[in-house]
Amino acid sequence: MRAINQKEFGGPEVLQLVEVDRPEPLPTEVLVRVHAAGVNPVDAKTRAGGGVAGVLGELPFILGWDVSGVVEAVGHGVHTLKVGDEVYGMPWFPRAASAYAEYVTAPSRHFARKPSNLTHTEAAALPLAGLTAYQILTALADVQKDQRVLIHAAAGGVGHLAVQFAKALGAHVIGTASAAKHEWLRELGADELIDYTATAVEDATGDIDVVVDLIGSETTLSQSIKVLKPGGLLVAVPSGTSPELLEAAKQAGVRVASYLVEPDGHALDEITELVESGAVRVEVEQVFPWTEVAAAHRAQESGRTRGKLVLEVN
């Protein structure tokens, strides 16, 4: 089969189209013919030697975790899926899923049936970002009706989904984004929006129950601690929890947690229900042929993406 791998760390130019052996499903696994693969910040970071490169092991390796496609074969013991099912998922993360390829294999329960109202291209934008937002707001933060939730980078891949999930949970949702994206975020359900380029977050809001910081800069982390109510929770996604951050949170009387997404077919089923009901929609800003993966990575690294970027595999 064809795949896009890299033999060295570096810029987008290290990504190359190659021929590799097609994987075969082991017991409890499925073989999925990939129709589209999502592009995420962790992809670009890992390509450059950061991200989860240490987990993937020695080069060469194939990037990518977001998959939407069709089940081509099933291994012994698979009972949840059958050949011909349209599925999507984020298999194996943070281990290699090798989604930038024509076929992937993974445990059947790392996948779920694709939302019937989404194309493969749209569905491929959803798993990693959707699971990140959903698991944070439900399993980690346990967001309740009428709680105040602040989302930094609300217009990004994870952010725009977090806005919608928090709203579906009944929260009062506040987001930070540039002014040009405010109208769109209001359409997604945001109750309040802060133009971070013009207004300091701590001057614009407060009494927050949960902050989801998808930027993780010194500025946003400091702002987040200042606006949380006593006992409130800061989820520091890309930055994690440093000793300094933990001490600052302790002094302010708030909680702080880091987060790493994990494969979760059951949560994907719940996300599918929200998507099919119309409560949640995924924004795909740009679609690239997978042979233009370098351009997709450059777009991802620009930091200006609204929603998600997707590769069509053909």
Protein backbone atom coordinates (compact mmCIF):
# COMPACT_ATOMS: atom_id res chain seq x y z
CA MET A 1 0.00 0.00 0.00
CA ARG A 2 0.99 3.66 -0.23
CA ALA A 3 1.70 5.72 2.86
CA ILE A 4 3.39 8.95 3.87
CA ASN A 5 6.32 8.44 6.18
CA GLN A 6 9.39 10.32 7.36
CA LYS A 7 12.96 9.13 7.72
CA GLU A 8 14.15 12.12 9.73
CA PHE A 9 12.78 14.88 11.92
CA GLY A 10 12.38 18.30 10.42
CA GLY A 11 10.05 20.55 8.46
CA PRO A 12 7.08 19.47 6.34
CA GLU A 13 9.44 18.57 3.50
CA VAL A 14 10.53 15.38 5.33
CA LEU A 15 7.12 13.80 4.66
CA GLN A 16 7.35 11.44 1.68
CA LEU A 17 4.96 9.18 -0.23
CA VAL A 18 6.29 5.60 -0.12
CA GLU A 19 5.25 1.99 -0.68
CA VAL A 20 5.01 -0.17 2.47
CA ASP A 21 3.51 -3.54 3.39
CA ARG A 22 -0.23 -3.50 4.03
CA PRO A 23 -1.00 -4.46 7.64
CA GLU A 24 -3.16 -7.46 8.52
CA PRO A 25 -5.63 -7.44 11.42
CA LEU A 26 -4.75 -9.49 14.48
CA PRO A 27 -7.49 -11.05 16.63
CA THR A 28 -9.93 -8.36 17.89
CA GLU A 29 -8.62 -5.91 15.26
CA VAL A 30 -10.11 -4.53 12.06
CA LEU A 31 -8.48 -3.47 8.81
CA VAL A 32 -9.83 -0.10 7.67
CA ARG A 33 -9.46 1.35 4.19
CA VAL A 34 -8.71 5.01 4.90
CA HIS A 35 -10.74 7.56 2.96
CA ALA A 36 -9.58 10.62 4.90
CA ALA A 37 -7.18 11.48 7.72
CA GLY A 38 -7.34 14.50 10.00
CA VAL A 39 -4.34 16.75 10.60
CA ASN A 40 -3.69 17.85 14.19
CA PRO A 41 -1.12 20.00 15.99
CA VAL A 42 0.41 16.86 17.52
CA ASP A 43 1.14 15.61 14.00
CA ALA A 44 3.30 18.62 13.18
CA LYS A 45 4.99 18.65 16.58
CA THR A 46 5.83 14.95 16.30
CA ARG A 47 7.13 15.37 12.74
CA ALA A 48 9.58 17.96 14.07
CA GLY A 49 10.77 15.69 16.89
CA GLY A 50 8.46 16.84 19.69
CA GLY A 51 4.90 15.79 20.44
CA VAL A 52 4.78 12.05 21.00
CA ALA A 53 7.88 11.26 18.92
CA GLY A 54 9.41 9.53 21.93
CA VAL A 55 6.47 7.14 22.10
CA LEU A 56 6.61 6.24 18.40
CA GLY A 57 10.17 4.99 18.63
CA GLU A 58 12.78 4.93 15.92
CA LEU A 59 12.37 6.44 12.48
CA PRO A 60 11.02 5.91 9.90
CA PHE A 61 7.41 6.09 11.00
CA ILE A 62 4.02 7.09 9.60
CA LEU A 63 2.15 9.96 11.24
CA GLY A 64 -1.55 10.47 11.78
CA TRP A 65 -4.29 9.33 14.17
CA ASP A 66 -7.61 10.65 12.83
CA VAL A 67 -9.19 8.08 10.52
CA SER A 68 -12.43 7.78 8.61
CA GLY A 69 -12.95 4.88 6.25
CA VAL A 70 -14.54 1.50 5.60
CA VAL A 71 -13.89 -1.83 7.33
CA GLU A 72 -12.10 -4.07 4.85
CA ALA A 73 -11.46 -7.13 7.03
CA VAL A 74 -12.02 -8.24 10.63
CA GLY A 75 -9.89 -10.39 12.88
CA HIS A 76 -11.11 -13.23 15.07
CA GLY A 77 -13.14 -12.05 18.04
CA VAL A 78 -14.53 -8.87 16.50
CA HIS A 79 -18.25 -8.57 17.27
CA THR A 80 -18.95 -4.82 17.11
CA LEU A 81 -18.10 -4.20 13.44
CA LYS A 82 -18.33 -6.02 10.13
CA VAL A 83 -16.86 -5.71 6.65
CA GLY A 84 -18.38 -2.74 4.83
CA ASP A 85 -19.12 -0.65 7.94
CA GLU A 86 -18.24 3.03 7.64
CA VAL A 87 -16.20 3.92 10.72
CA TYR A 88 -14.13 6.65 12.26
CA GLY A 89 -11.72 6.74 15.15
CA MET A 90 -8.43 7.76 16.76
CA PRO A 91 -6.73 4.39 17.14
CA TRP A 92 -3.72 3.62 19.31
CA PHE A 93 -2.94 7.18 20.46
CA PRO A 94 -0.29 8.07 21.58
CA ARG A 95 1.25 4.98 19.96
CA ALA A 96 1.48 4.93 16.17
CA ALA A 97 -1.80 4.58 14.29
CA SER A 98 -0.14 5.39 10.94
CA ALA A 99 -3.25 7.11 9.60
CA TYR A 100 -1.44 8.78 6.69
CA ALA A 101 -1.84 5.55 4.72
CA GLU A 102 -4.28 3.66 2.55
CA TYR A 103 -5.00 1.10 5.31
CA VAL A 104 -4.74 0.95 9.09
CA THR A 105 -5.31 -1.82 11.62
CA ALA A 106 -6.42 -1.32 15.22
CA PRO A 107 -8.65 -2.85 17.89
CA SER A 108 -12.26 -2.73 16.75
CA ARG A 109 -13.31 -0.84 19.88
CA HIS A 110 -11.01 2.06 18.97
CA PHE A 111 -13.54 2.84 16.22
CA ALA A 112 -17.20 3.77 16.05
CA ARG A 113 -19.68 3.92 13.21
CA LYS A 114 -19.30 7.15 11.29
CA PRO A 115 -22.06 9.75 11.81
CA SER A 116 -24.52 9.16 8.97
CA ASN A 117 -24.80 12.87 8.21
CA LEU A 118 -21.05 13.37 7.73
CA THR A 119 -18.83 12.57 4.78
CA HIS A 120 -15.60 10.71 5.41
CA THR A 121 -13.75 14.00 5.01
CA GLU A 122 -15.87 15.64 7.71
CA ALA A 123 -15.71 12.61 10.00
CA ALA A 124 -11.91 12.46 9.78
CA ALA A 125 -11.78 15.92 11.36
CA LEU A 126 -13.59 14.76 14.47
CA PRO A 127 -11.95 11.95 16.50
CA LEU A 128 -8.84 13.43 18.14
CA ALA A 129 -10.21 16.93 18.62
CA GLY A 130 -13.66 15.68 19.53
CA LEU A 131 -12.45 13.10 22.04
CA THR A 132 -10.09 15.63 23.60
CA ALA A 133 -12.89 18.15 24.15
CA TYR A 134 -15.48 15.55 25.19
CA GLN A 135 -13.30 13.64 27.63
CA ILE A 136 -12.08 16.86 29.29
CA LEU A 137 -15.58 18.25 29.79
CA THR A 138 -17.23 15.00 30.88
CA ALA A 139 -14.78 12.52 32.41
CA LEU A 140 -12.28 15.03 33.79
CA ALA A 141 -14.19 18.22 34.62
CA ASP A 142 -17.68 16.69 34.98
CA VAL A 143 -19.24 19.94 33.74
CA GLN A 144 -22.74 20.54 35.12
CA LYS A 145 -25.69 22.65 33.98
CA ASP A 146 -25.22 26.40 34.46
CA GLN A 147 -21.53 26.16 35.29
CA ARG A 148 -19.32 28.80 33.71
CA VAL A 149 -16.77 27.34 31.29
CA LEU A 150 -13.98 29.38 29.68
CA ILE A 151 -12.30 27.99 26.56
CA HIS A 152 -9.03 29.51 25.34
CA ALA A 153 -8.57 29.22 21.53
CA ALA A 154 -12.28 28.60 21.09
CA ALA A 155 -12.11 28.73 17.29
CA GLY A 156 -9.52 25.98 16.89
CA GLY A 157 -10.00 22.30 16.19
CA VAL A 158 -10.55 21.27 19.81
CA GLY A 159 -11.94 24.64 20.84
CA HIS A 160 -14.91 24.86 18.50
CA LEU A 161 -16.01 21.38 19.52
CA ALA A 162 -15.49 22.14 23.22
CA VAL A 163 -17.79 25.15 22.84
CA GLN A 164 -20.54 22.92 21.47
CA PHE A 165 -20.06 20.06 23.95
CA ALA A 166 -20.06 22.47 26.90
CA LYS A 167 -23.24 24.07 25.58
CA ALA A 168 -24.85 20.65 25.14
CA LEU A 169 -24.02 19.96 28.82
CA GLY A 170 -25.92 23.12 29.77
CA ALA A 171 -22.93 25.29 30.64
CA HIS A 172 -22.55 29.04 30.18
CA VAL A 173 -19.74 29.15 27.62
CA ILE A 174 -17.15 31.89 27.29
CA GLY A 175 -14.50 31.72 24.57
CA THR A 176 -11.38 33.62 23.56
CA ALA A 177 -10.82 34.25 19.86
CA SER A 178 -10.01 37.05 17.45
CA ALA A 179 -12.95 39.33 16.69
CA ALA A 180 -13.36 38.00 13.15
CA LYS A 181 -14.40 34.60 14.52
CA HIS A 182 -16.91 35.82 17.11
CA GLU A 183 -20.02 35.66 14.93
CA TRP A 184 -19.27 32.07 13.92
CA LEU A 185 -18.64 31.04 17.53
CA ARG A 186 -21.93 32.58 18.59
CA GLU A 187 -23.62 30.41 15.96
CA LEU A 188 -21.97 27.40 17.62
CA GLY A 189 -23.43 28.38 20.98
CA ALA A 190 -20.87 30.57 22.76
CA ASP A 191 -22.59 32.90 25.24
CA GLU A 192 -19.71 35.36 25.64
CA LEU A 193 -16.61 36.01 23.55
CA ILE A 194 -13.40 37.82 24.39
CA ASP A 195 -11.11 39.33 21.76
CA TYR A 196 -7.80 38.40 23.32
CA THR A 197 -5.98 40.85 21.02
CA ALA A 198 -7.83 43.81 22.52
CA THR A 199 -8.94 42.83 26.03
CA ALA A 200 -7.23 41.13 28.96
CA VAL A 201 -9.20 38.03 29.85
CA GLU A 202 -9.10 38.78 33.57
CA ASP A 203 -10.72 42.16 32.87
CA ALA A 204 -13.52 40.64 30.82
CA THR A 205 -14.73 37.71 32.89
CA GLY A 206 -14.50 35.89 36.21
CA ASP A 207 -16.23 33.47 38.58
CA ILE A 208 -15.32 30.62 36.22
CA ASP A 209 -15.88 26.98 37.21
CA VAL A 210 -13.75 25.33 34.51
CA VAL A 211 -11.07 26.71 32.19
CA VAL A 212 -9.95 24.64 29.20
CA ASP A 213 -6.64 26.20 28.16
CA LEU A 214 -5.79 25.01 24.66
CA ILE A 215 -2.89 27.46 24.29
CA GLY A 216 -0.87 26.82 27.43
CA SER A 217 1.24 29.97 27.34
CA GLU A 218 2.48 31.70 30.48
CA THR A 219 -0.06 34.45 29.78
CA THR A 220 -3.12 32.23 29.33
CA LEU A 221 -2.26 30.02 32.30
CA SER A 222 -1.85 33.07 34.53
CA GLN A 223 -5.11 34.56 33.25
CA SER A 224 -6.90 31.28 33.84
CA ILE A 225 -5.88 31.09 37.48
CA LYS A 226 -7.02 34.69 38.04
CA VAL A 227 -10.54 34.17 36.66
CA LEU A 228 -11.33 30.85 38.35
CA LYS A 229 -13.57 30.81 41.39
CA PRO A 230 -12.17 29.14 44.53
CA GLY A 231 -12.06 25.39 43.93
CA GLY A 232 -12.40 25.87 40.17
CA LEU A 233 -10.50 23.68 37.71
CA LEU A 234 -7.89 24.66 35.12
CA VAL A 235 -7.19 22.00 32.47
CA ALA A 236 -3.79 22.77 30.93
CA VAL A 237 -3.84 20.80 27.69
CA PRO A 238 -0.68 21.41 25.62
CA SER A 239 1.53 22.71 28.43
CA GLY A 240 0.83 20.20 31.20
CA THR A 241 1.33 21.01 34.88
CA SER A 242 4.71 22.40 35.91
CA PRO A 243 5.70 22.71 39.58
CA GLU A 244 5.38 26.49 39.20
CA LEU A 245 1.84 26.20 37.84
CA LEU A 246 0.81 23.80 40.58
CA GLU A 247 2.16 26.17 43.23
CA ALA A 248 0.40 29.20 41.67
CA ALA A 249 -2.87 27.26 41.59
CA LYS A 250 -2.42 26.19 45.21
CA GLN A 251 -1.84 29.78 46.30
CA ALA A 252 -5.00 30.86 44.45
CA GLY A 253 -7.11 28.07 45.91
CA VAL A 254 -7.90 26.47 42.56
CA ARG A 255 -7.23 23.07 41.03
CA VAL A 256 -5.14 22.32 37.96
CA ALA A 257 -4.87 19.18 35.82
CA SER A 258 -3.04 18.13 32.67
CA TYR A 259 -4.72 16.00 30.03
CA LEU A 260 -3.89 13.52 27.27
CA VAL A 261 -6.62 12.08 25.07
CA GLU A 262 -7.10 8.30 24.76
CA PRO A 263 -8.91 6.07 22.25
CA ASP A 264 -12.55 5.67 23.25
CA GLY A 265 -15.06 4.06 20.92
CA HIS A 266 -17.87 4.45 23.46
CA ALA A 267 -17.32 8.22 23.71
CA LEU A 268 -17.25 8.37 19.91
CA ASP A 269 -20.67 6.72 19.86
CA GLU A 270 -21.92 9.49 22.18
CA ILE A 271 -20.34 12.13 19.95
CA THR A 272 -22.00 10.53 16.95
CA GLU A 273 -25.39 10.94 18.62
CA LEU A 274 -24.74 14.64 19.20
CA VAL A 275 -23.62 15.12 15.59
CA GLU A 276 -26.54 13.23 14.11
CA SER A 277 -28.98 15.19 16.28
CA GLY A 278 -27.61 18.47 14.97
CA ALA A 279 -26.36 19.61 18.38
CA VAL A 280 -22.73 19.52 17.25
CA ARG A 281 -21.09 20.19 13.92
CA VAL A 282 -17.47 19.95 12.86
CA GLU A 283 -15.80 22.72 10.88
CA VAL A 284 -13.39 21.68 8.12
CA GLU A 285 -11.54 24.77 6.97
CA GLN A 286 -9.45 23.18 4.24
CA VAL A 287 -9.07 19.81 2.54
CA PHE A 288 -5.80 18.68 0.95
CA PRO A 289 -5.00 15.74 -1.32
CA TRP A 290 -2.74 13.58 0.82
CA THR A 291 0.11 14.11 -1.66
CA GLU A 292 0.03 17.75 -0.47
CA VAL A 293 0.57 16.79 3.16
CA ALA A 294 3.48 19.24 3.48
CA ALA A 295 1.15 22.13 2.64
CA ALA A 296 -1.36 20.86 5.19
CA HIS A 297 1.32 20.82 7.88
CA ARG A 298 2.38 24.35 7.00
CA ALA A 299 -1.24 25.48 7.32
CA GLN A 300 -1.54 23.69 10.67
CA GLU A 301 1.59 25.37 11.97
CA SER A 302 0.34 28.83 10.97
CA GLY A 303 -1.79 28.88 14.13
CA ARG A 304 -4.66 30.59 12.30
CA THR A 305 -6.83 27.59 11.46
CA ARG A 306 -10.58 27.82 12.02
CA GLY A 307 -11.70 24.31 12.83
CA LYS A 308 -9.80 21.44 11.22
CA LEU A 309 -7.62 20.45 8.27
CA VAL A 310 -8.10 17.10 6.52
CA LEU A 311 -6.19 14.93 4.04
CA GLU A 312 -8.16 12.99 1.44
CA VAL A 313 -6.47 9.64 0.87
CA ASN A 314 -6.76 8.34 -2.69
